[in-house]
């Protein structure tokens, strides 16, 4: 991953000494690493897998994902988002840039969903031209108490909570051929699809112009409710 970066003999020696004194730990098993990587040889067998979700989701929107929320990819996300490990973030930025480049252009607008952490905004800022990004289009209603985390809710409960909490802040957006709604993880699609619904109903943006994008797609914990 980072091992492709050219090194001089001096920098290689310094890097070896630094790793000896302050070794990187494998994100899988926590063991010491003596090479520039995220995983030891044993844990590296389960490498990040590119997502294979369909282009058109159950709600009729175009959708794109970079990685499956599983195995090493999930551990990379945790390292970058929660532990703020720069090397893990650089890897995810590289994967994001590769995935979003075909969508980038003067007629595309990337809209970041609200997040309590800076990870998503940093990911987009480092991967896209700044003029194409909008970060204050939505806001989340503040709740004093949340007894149950969103990921633990059934699909119907999650959609109802998102419907009540996700609010559209923008009164207008520039004209564009494509509006890409961005989040870090897609589980039930509640957040992204409701965000798209608000664009349709409040700003009259046609469905065919909206794309749902997430860094990772996570298998649903609950069966879909009818």
C-alpha atoms as a PDB file:
ATOM      1  CA  UNK A   1       0.000   0.000   0.000  1.00  0.00           C
ATOM      2  CA  UNK A   2       2.516   2.640   1.142  1.00  0.00           C
ATOM      3  CA  UNK A   3       5.420   0.388   0.188  1.00  0.00           C
ATOM      4  CA  UNK A   4       5.378   1.766  -3.374  1.00  0.00           C
ATOM      5  CA  UNK A   5       6.701   5.169  -2.181  1.00  0.00           C
ATOM      6  CA  UNK A   6      10.382   5.532  -3.330  1.00  0.00           C
ATOM      7  CA  UNK A   7      12.918   5.602  -0.503  1.00  0.00           C
ATOM      8  CA  UNK A   8      16.558   6.619  -0.334  1.00  0.00           C
ATOM      9  CA  UNK A   9      18.989   4.401   1.604  1.00  0.00           C
ATOM     10  CA  UNK A  10      19.067   6.995   4.395  1.00  0.00           C
ATOM     11  CA  UNK A  11      15.272   7.267   4.650  1.00  0.00           C
ATOM     12  CA  UNK A  12      14.933   3.480   4.498  1.00  0.00           C
ATOM     13  CA  UNK A  13      17.408   3.091   7.357  1.00  0.00           C
ATOM     14  CA  UNK A  14      15.694   5.784   9.380  1.00  0.00           C
ATOM     15  CA  UNK A  15      12.323   4.152   8.719  1.00  0.00           C
ATOM     16  CA  UNK A  16      13.646   0.780   9.890  1.00  0.00           C
ATOM     17  CA  UNK A  17      14.979   2.333  13.109  1.00  0.00           C
ATOM     18  CA  UNK A  18      11.705   4.163  13.700  1.00  0.00           C
ATOM     19  CA  UNK A  19       9.691   0.988  13.200  1.00  0.00           C
ATOM     20  CA  UNK A  20      12.010  -0.858  15.576  1.00  0.00           C
ATOM     21  CA  UNK A  21      11.479   1.722  18.325  1.00  0.00           C
ATOM     22  CA  UNK A  22       7.854   2.569  17.558  1.00  0.00           C
ATOM     23  CA  UNK A  23       6.500  -0.321  15.508  1.00  0.00           C
ATOM     24  CA  UNK A  24       3.256  -0.084  13.578  1.00  0.00           C
ATOM     25  CA  UNK A  25       0.699  -2.589  14.799  1.00  0.00           C
ATOM     26  CA  UNK A  26      -1.297  -4.888  12.566  1.00  0.00           C
ATOM     27  CA  UNK A  27      -4.879  -3.658  12.319  1.00  0.00           C
ATOM     28  CA  UNK A  28      -6.019  -7.277  12.339  1.00  0.00           C
ATOM     29  CA  UNK A  29      -4.234  -8.992  15.221  1.00  0.00           C
ATOM     30  CA  UNK A  30      -2.352  -6.121  16.868  1.00  0.00           C
ATOM     31  CA  UNK A  31       1.055  -7.714  16.251  1.00  0.00           C
ATOM     32  CA  UNK A  32       4.201  -5.721  15.438  1.00  0.00           C
ATOM     33  CA  UNK A  33       4.836  -4.831  11.809  1.00  0.00           C
ATOM     34  CA  UNK A  34       8.350  -4.467  10.466  1.00  0.00           C
ATOM     35  CA  UNK A  35       7.266  -3.324   7.003  1.00  0.00           C
ATOM     36  CA  UNK A  36       5.155  -0.515   5.577  1.00  0.00           C
ATOM     37  CA  UNK A  37       1.724  -2.075   5.595  1.00  0.00           C
ATOM     38  CA  UNK A  38      -1.473  -2.230   7.604  1.00  0.00           C
ATOM     39  CA  UNK A  39      -1.624  -5.991   8.177  1.00  0.00           C
ATOM     40  CA  UNK A  40       0.751  -8.832   8.945  1.00  0.00           C
ATOM     41  CA  UNK A  41       1.142 -11.591   6.372  1.00  0.00           C
ATOM     42  CA  UNK A  42      -1.460 -13.784   8.091  1.00  0.00           C
ATOM     43  CA  UNK A  43      -4.125 -11.057   8.342  1.00  0.00           C
ATOM     44  CA  UNK A  44      -3.411  -9.730   4.845  1.00  0.00           C
ATOM     45  CA  UNK A  45      -5.084 -12.824   3.396  1.00  0.00           C
ATOM     46  CA  UNK A  46      -8.422 -11.055   3.845  1.00  0.00           C
ATOM     47  CA  UNK A  47      -7.676  -7.962   1.763  1.00  0.00           C
ATOM     48  CA  UNK A  48     -10.186  -5.133   1.161  1.00  0.00           C
ATOM     49  CA  UNK A  49     -12.756  -6.184  -1.434  1.00  0.00           C
ATOM     50  CA  UNK A  50     -14.255  -3.852  -4.006  1.00  0.00           C
ATOM     51  CA  UNK A  51     -17.991  -3.523  -3.613  1.00  0.00           C
ATOM     52  CA  UNK A  52     -20.188  -5.345  -6.112  1.00  0.00           C
ATOM     53  CA  UNK A  53     -23.572  -3.716  -5.410  1.00  0.00           C
ATOM     54  CA  UNK A  54     -25.835  -3.009  -8.406  1.00  0.00           C
ATOM     55  CA  UNK A  55     -25.725   0.401 -10.132  1.00  0.00           C
ATOM     56  CA  UNK A  56     -29.428   0.932  -9.481  1.00  0.00           C
ATOM     57  CA  UNK A  57     -30.596   0.366  -5.915  1.00  0.00           C
ATOM     58  CA  UNK A  58     -33.943  -0.780  -4.535  1.00  0.00           C
ATOM     59  CA  UNK A  59     -35.132   2.829  -4.321  1.00  0.00           C
ATOM     60  CA  UNK A  60     -34.437   3.570  -7.975  1.00  0.00           C
ATOM     61  CA  UNK A  61     -31.425   5.844  -7.537  1.00  0.00           C
ATOM     62  CA  UNK A  62     -28.063   5.316  -9.165  1.00  0.00           C
ATOM     63  CA  UNK A  63     -25.591   4.248  -6.491  1.00  0.00           C
ATOM     64  CA  UNK A  64     -21.847   3.672  -6.213  1.00  0.00           C
ATOM     65  CA  UNK A  65     -19.723   2.114  -3.479  1.00  0.00           C
ATOM     66  CA  UNK A  66     -15.965   1.686  -3.106  1.00  0.00           C
ATOM     67  CA  UNK A  67     -15.473  -1.138  -0.590  1.00  0.00           C
ATOM     68  CA  UNK A  68     -17.499  -3.777   1.218  1.00  0.00           C
ATOM     69  CA  UNK A  69     -17.812  -3.107   4.966  1.00  0.00           C
ATOM     70  CA  UNK A  70     -16.098  -6.319   5.932  1.00  0.00           C
ATOM     71  CA  UNK A  71     -12.784  -7.769   7.064  1.00  0.00           C
ATOM     72  CA  UNK A  72      -9.741  -5.568   6.527  1.00  0.00           C
ATOM     73  CA  UNK A  73     -11.727  -2.799   4.842  1.00  0.00           C
ATOM     74  CA  UNK A  74     -13.791  -2.348   7.994  1.00  0.00           C
ATOM     75  CA  UNK A  75     -10.627  -2.179  10.103  1.00  0.00           C
ATOM     76  CA  UNK A  76      -9.124   0.397   7.756  1.00  0.00           C
ATOM     77  CA  UNK A  77     -12.225   2.543   8.166  1.00  0.00           C
ATOM     78  CA  UNK A  78     -12.040   2.308  11.955  1.00  0.00           C
ATOM     79  CA  UNK A  79      -8.331   3.216  11.898  1.00  0.00           C
ATOM     80  CA  UNK A  80      -8.930   6.249   9.675  1.00  0.00           C
ATOM     81  CA  UNK A  81     -12.232   7.489  11.118  1.00  0.00           C
ATOM     82  CA  UNK A  82     -11.913   6.812  14.831  1.00  0.00           C
ATOM     83  CA  UNK A  83      -8.163   6.477  15.483  1.00  0.00           C
ATOM     84  CA  UNK A  84      -7.222   9.059  12.823  1.00  0.00           C
ATOM     85  CA  UNK A  85      -4.303   7.022  11.534  1.00  0.00           C
ATOM     86  CA  UNK A  86      -2.968   9.022   8.615  1.00  0.00           C
ATOM     87  CA  UNK A  87      -1.718   6.089   6.557  1.00  0.00           C
ATOM     88  CA  UNK A  88      -5.125   4.409   6.664  1.00  0.00           C
ATOM     89  CA  UNK A  89      -6.768   7.697   5.672  1.00  0.00           C
ATOM     90  CA  UNK A  90      -4.346   8.103   2.744  1.00  0.00           C
ATOM     91  CA  UNK A  91      -5.246   4.646   1.473  1.00  0.00           C
ATOM     92  CA  UNK A  92      -8.985   5.386   1.628  1.00  0.00           C
ATOM     93  CA  UNK A  93      -8.462   8.778  -0.035  1.00  0.00           C
ATOM     94  CA  UNK A  94      -6.666   7.039  -2.895  1.00  0.00           C
ATOM     95  CA  UNK A  95      -9.500   4.519  -3.313  1.00  0.00           C
ATOM     96  CA  UNK A  96     -12.107   7.296  -3.126  1.00  0.00           C
ATOM     97  CA  UNK A  97     -10.314   9.429  -5.704  1.00  0.00           C
ATOM     98  CA  UNK A  98     -10.163   6.517  -8.125  1.00  0.00           C
ATOM     99  CA  UNK A  99     -13.871   5.805  -7.656  1.00  0.00           C
ATOM    100  CA  UNK A 100     -15.133   9.392  -7.881  1.00  0.00           C
ATOM    101  CA  UNK A 101     -12.912  10.665 -10.688  1.00  0.00           C
ATOM    102  CA  UNK A 102     -15.322   9.446 -13.437  1.00  0.00           C
ATOM    103  CA  UNK A 103     -18.107  11.488 -11.792  1.00  0.00           C
ATOM    104  CA  UNK A 104     -16.045  14.651 -11.405  1.00  0.00           C
ATOM    105  CA  UNK A 105     -16.669  17.556 -13.736  1.00  0.00           C
ATOM    106  CA  UNK A 106     -17.929  21.111 -13.959  1.00  0.00           C
ATOM    107  CA  UNK A 107     -21.512  19.810 -14.099  1.00  0.00           C
ATOM    108  CA  UNK A 108     -21.234  17.658 -10.957  1.00  0.00           C
ATOM    109  CA  UNK A 109     -21.903  18.664  -7.358  1.00  0.00           C
ATOM    110  CA  UNK A 110     -20.844  16.441  -4.448  1.00  0.00           C
ATOM    111  CA  UNK A 111     -22.957  16.879  -1.320  1.00  0.00           C
ATOM    112  CA  UNK A 112     -21.609  15.620   2.005  1.00  0.00           C
ATOM    113  CA  UNK A 113     -24.139  14.286   4.489  1.00  0.00           C
ATOM    114  CA  UNK A 114     -23.891  15.617   8.080  1.00  0.00           C
ATOM    115  CA  UNK A 115     -21.384  13.839  10.313  1.00  0.00           C
ATOM    116  CA  UNK A 116     -20.233  14.348  13.889  1.00  0.00           C
ATOM    117  CA  UNK A 117     -16.702  13.449  12.846  1.00  0.00           C
ATOM    118  CA  UNK A 118     -14.555  15.205  10.263  1.00  0.00           C
ATOM    119  CA  UNK A 119     -13.671  11.978   8.446  1.00  0.00           C
ATOM    120  CA  UNK A 120     -16.190  12.242   5.593  1.00  0.00           C
ATOM    121  CA  UNK A 121     -15.461  15.904   4.880  1.00  0.00           C
ATOM    122  CA  UNK A 122     -11.702  15.227   4.945  1.00  0.00           C
ATOM    123  CA  UNK A 123     -12.143  12.273   2.591  1.00  0.00           C
ATOM    124  CA  UNK A 124     -14.026  14.370   0.035  1.00  0.00           C
ATOM    125  CA  UNK A 125     -11.806  17.431   0.448  1.00  0.00           C
ATOM    126  CA  UNK A 126      -8.697  15.389  -0.329  1.00  0.00           C
ATOM    127  CA  UNK A 127     -10.313  13.488  -3.209  1.00  0.00           C
ATOM    128  CA  UNK A 128     -12.224  16.146  -5.164  1.00  0.00           C
ATOM    129  CA  UNK A 129     -11.885  19.681  -6.561  1.00  0.00           C
ATOM    130  CA  UNK A 130     -12.994  22.047  -3.801  1.00  0.00           C
ATOM    131  CA  UNK A 131     -15.447  23.957  -5.986  1.00  0.00           C
ATOM    132  CA  UNK A 132     -17.513  20.812  -6.544  1.00  0.00           C
ATOM    133  CA  UNK A 133     -18.166  20.072  -2.833  1.00  0.00           C
ATOM    134  CA  UNK A 134     -21.090  21.281  -0.706  1.00  0.00           C
ATOM    135  CA  UNK A 135     -20.995  20.520   3.035  1.00  0.00           C
ATOM    136  CA  UNK A 136     -23.849  22.543   4.560  1.00  0.00           C
ATOM    137  CA  UNK A 137     -26.798  21.364   2.505  1.00  0.00           C
ATOM    138  CA  UNK A 138     -28.282  19.251   5.340  1.00  0.00           C
ATOM    139  CA  UNK A 139     -28.277  19.227   9.110  1.00  0.00           C
ATOM    140  CA  UNK A 140     -29.324  16.692  11.728  1.00  0.00           C
ATOM    141  CA  UNK A 141     -31.840  17.617  14.408  1.00  0.00           C
ATOM    142  CA  UNK A 142     -30.145  17.395  17.775  1.00  0.00           C
ATOM    143  CA  UNK A 143     -31.521  14.860  20.234  1.00  0.00           C
ATOM    144  CA  UNK A 144     -30.666  15.007  23.922  1.00  0.00           C
ATOM    145  CA  UNK A 145     -31.036  11.242  24.282  1.00  0.00           C
ATOM    146  CA  UNK A 146     -30.750   8.387  21.816  1.00  0.00           C
ATOM    147  CA  UNK A 147     -31.431   5.132  23.595  1.00  0.00           C
ATOM    148  CA  UNK A 148     -30.631   3.022  20.532  1.00  0.00           C
ATOM    149  CA  UNK A 149     -27.900   3.540  17.953  1.00  0.00           C
ATOM    150  CA  UNK A 150     -29.095   3.819  14.353  1.00  0.00           C
ATOM    151  CA  UNK A 151     -27.291   0.640  13.307  1.00  0.00           C
ATOM    152  CA  UNK A 152     -29.244  -1.361  15.904  1.00  0.00           C
ATOM    153  CA  UNK A 153     -32.654  -0.238  14.649  1.00  0.00           C
ATOM    154  CA  UNK A 154     -34.841  -2.231  12.309  1.00  0.00           C
ATOM    155  CA  UNK A 155     -35.068  -0.836   8.798  1.00  0.00           C
ATOM    156  CA  UNK A 156     -38.473   0.729   9.376  1.00  0.00           C
ATOM    157  CA  UNK A 157     -37.369   2.311  12.655  1.00  0.00           C
ATOM    158  CA  UNK A 158     -34.218   3.659  11.051  1.00  0.00           C
ATOM    159  CA  UNK A 159     -36.142   5.249   8.170  1.00  0.00           C
ATOM    160  CA  UNK A 160     -38.571   6.869  10.604  1.00  0.00           C
ATOM    161  CA  UNK A 161     -35.754   8.316  12.714  1.00  0.00           C
ATOM    162  CA  UNK A 162     -33.901   9.661   9.672  1.00  0.00           C
ATOM    163  CA  UNK A 163     -37.142  11.128   8.284  1.00  0.00           C
ATOM    164  CA  UNK A 164     -37.632  13.032  11.529  1.00  0.00           C
ATOM    165  CA  UNK A 165     -33.995  14.069  12.095  1.00  0.00           C
ATOM    166  CA  UNK A 166     -32.477  14.839   8.679  1.00  0.00           C
ATOM    167  CA  UNK A 167     -33.351  18.369   7.603  1.00  0.00           C
ATOM    168  CA  UNK A 168     -32.627  20.262   4.391  1.00  0.00           C
ATOM    169  CA  UNK A 169     -30.777  23.489   5.110  1.00  0.00           C
ATOM    170  CA  UNK A 170     -30.178  24.779   1.580  1.00  0.00           C
ATOM    171  CA  UNK A 171     -32.930  26.714  -0.157  1.00  0.00           C
ATOM    172  CA  UNK A 172     -31.331  26.259  -3.574  1.00  0.00           C
ATOM    173  CA  UNK A 173     -28.396  24.556  -5.299  1.00  0.00           C
ATOM    174  CA  UNK A 174     -26.529  25.506  -8.479  1.00  0.00           C
ATOM    175  CA  UNK A 175     -27.759  23.857 -11.657  1.00  0.00           C
ATOM    176  CA  UNK A 176     -25.872  20.632 -12.393  1.00  0.00           C
ATOM    177  CA  UNK A 177     -26.198  17.504 -14.467  1.00  0.00           C
ATOM    178  CA  UNK A 178     -25.382  15.262 -11.503  1.00  0.00           C
ATOM    179  CA  UNK A 179     -25.816  15.628  -7.738  1.00  0.00           C
ATOM    180  CA  UNK A 180     -23.802  13.036  -5.803  1.00  0.00           C
ATOM    181  CA  UNK A 181     -24.953  12.553  -2.209  1.00  0.00           C
ATOM    182  CA  UNK A 182     -22.017  11.241  -0.149  1.00  0.00           C
ATOM    183  CA  UNK A 183     -21.827   9.276   3.097  1.00  0.00           C
ATOM    184  CA  UNK A 184     -19.179   7.017   4.607  1.00  0.00           C
ATOM    185  CA  UNK A 185     -21.251   3.829   5.148  1.00  0.00           C
ATOM    186  CA  UNK A 186     -24.442   2.637   3.418  1.00  0.00           C
ATOM    187  CA  UNK A 187     -26.497   0.127   5.413  1.00  0.00           C
ATOM    188  CA  UNK A 188     -30.242   0.383   4.819  1.00  0.00           C
ATOM    189  CA  UNK A 189     -29.974   3.451   2.625  1.00  0.00           C
ATOM    190  CA  UNK A 190     -32.218   5.428   4.987  1.00  0.00           C
ATOM    191  CA  UNK A 191     -30.010   8.505   5.213  1.00  0.00           C
ATOM    192  CA  UNK A 192     -29.023   8.793   1.573  1.00  0.00           C
ATOM    193  CA  UNK A 193     -32.437   7.995   0.143  1.00  0.00           C
ATOM    194  CA  UNK A 194     -34.206  10.451   2.433  1.00  0.00           C
ATOM    195  CA  UNK A 195     -31.606  13.086   1.531  1.00  0.00           C
ATOM    196  CA  UNK A 196     -32.387  12.394  -2.133  1.00  0.00           C
ATOM    197  CA  UNK A 197     -36.126  12.592  -1.405  1.00  0.00           C
ATOM    198  CA  UNK A 198     -35.623  16.069   0.083  1.00  0.00           C
ATOM    199  CA  UNK A 199     -33.776  17.206  -3.037  1.00  0.00           C
ATOM    200  CA  UNK A 200     -36.646  15.955  -5.167  1.00  0.00           C
ATOM    201  CA  UNK A 201     -39.523  17.356  -3.138  1.00  0.00           C
ATOM    202  CA  UNK A 202     -38.014  20.618  -1.850  1.00  0.00           C
ATOM    203  CA  UNK A 203     -35.663  21.641  -4.672  1.00  0.00           C
ATOM    204  CA  UNK A 204     -37.383  19.873  -7.613  1.00  0.00           C
ATOM    205  CA  UNK A 205     -34.242  17.966  -8.650  1.00  0.00           C
ATOM    206  CA  UNK A 206     -35.151  14.972 -10.885  1.00  0.00           C
ATOM    207  CA  UNK A 207     -34.319  11.472  -9.648  1.00  0.00           C
ATOM    208  CA  UNK A 208     -32.191  10.695 -12.718  1.00  0.00           C
ATOM    209  CA  UNK A 209     -29.784  13.487 -11.744  1.00  0.00           C
ATOM    210  CA  UNK A 210     -29.158  12.080  -8.255  1.00  0.00           C
ATOM    211  CA  UNK A 211     -26.477   9.510  -7.410  1.00  0.00           C
ATOM    212  CA  UNK A 212     -26.033   7.912  -3.987  1.00  0.00           C
ATOM    213  CA  UNK A 213     -22.377   7.329  -3.064  1.00  0.00           C
ATOM    214  CA  UNK A 214     -20.797   5.755  -0.002  1.00  0.00           C
ATOM    215  CA  UNK A 215     -17.252   4.690   0.785  1.00  0.00           C
ATOM    216  CA  UNK A 216     -18.510   1.338   2.065  1.00  0.00           C
ATOM    217  CA  UNK A 217     -21.645  -0.781   1.809  1.00  0.00           C
ATOM    218  CA  UNK A 218     -22.635  -2.826   4.873  1.00  0.00           C
ATOM    219  CA  UNK A 219     -24.924  -5.893   4.725  1.00  0.00           C
ATOM    220  CA  UNK A 220     -28.272  -5.256   6.351  1.00  0.00           C
ATOM    221  CA  UNK A 221     -28.693  -6.634   9.840  1.00  0.00           C
ATOM    222  CA  UNK A 222     -32.460  -6.904   9.522  1.00  0.00           C
ATOM    223  CA  UNK A 223     -34.664  -8.085   6.706  1.00  0.00           C
ATOM    224  CA  UNK A 224     -36.449  -5.368   4.788  1.00  0.00           C
ATOM    225  CA  UNK A 225     -39.850  -4.489   6.233  1.00  0.00           C
ATOM    226  CA  UNK A 226     -42.818  -4.228   3.879  1.00  0.00           C
END
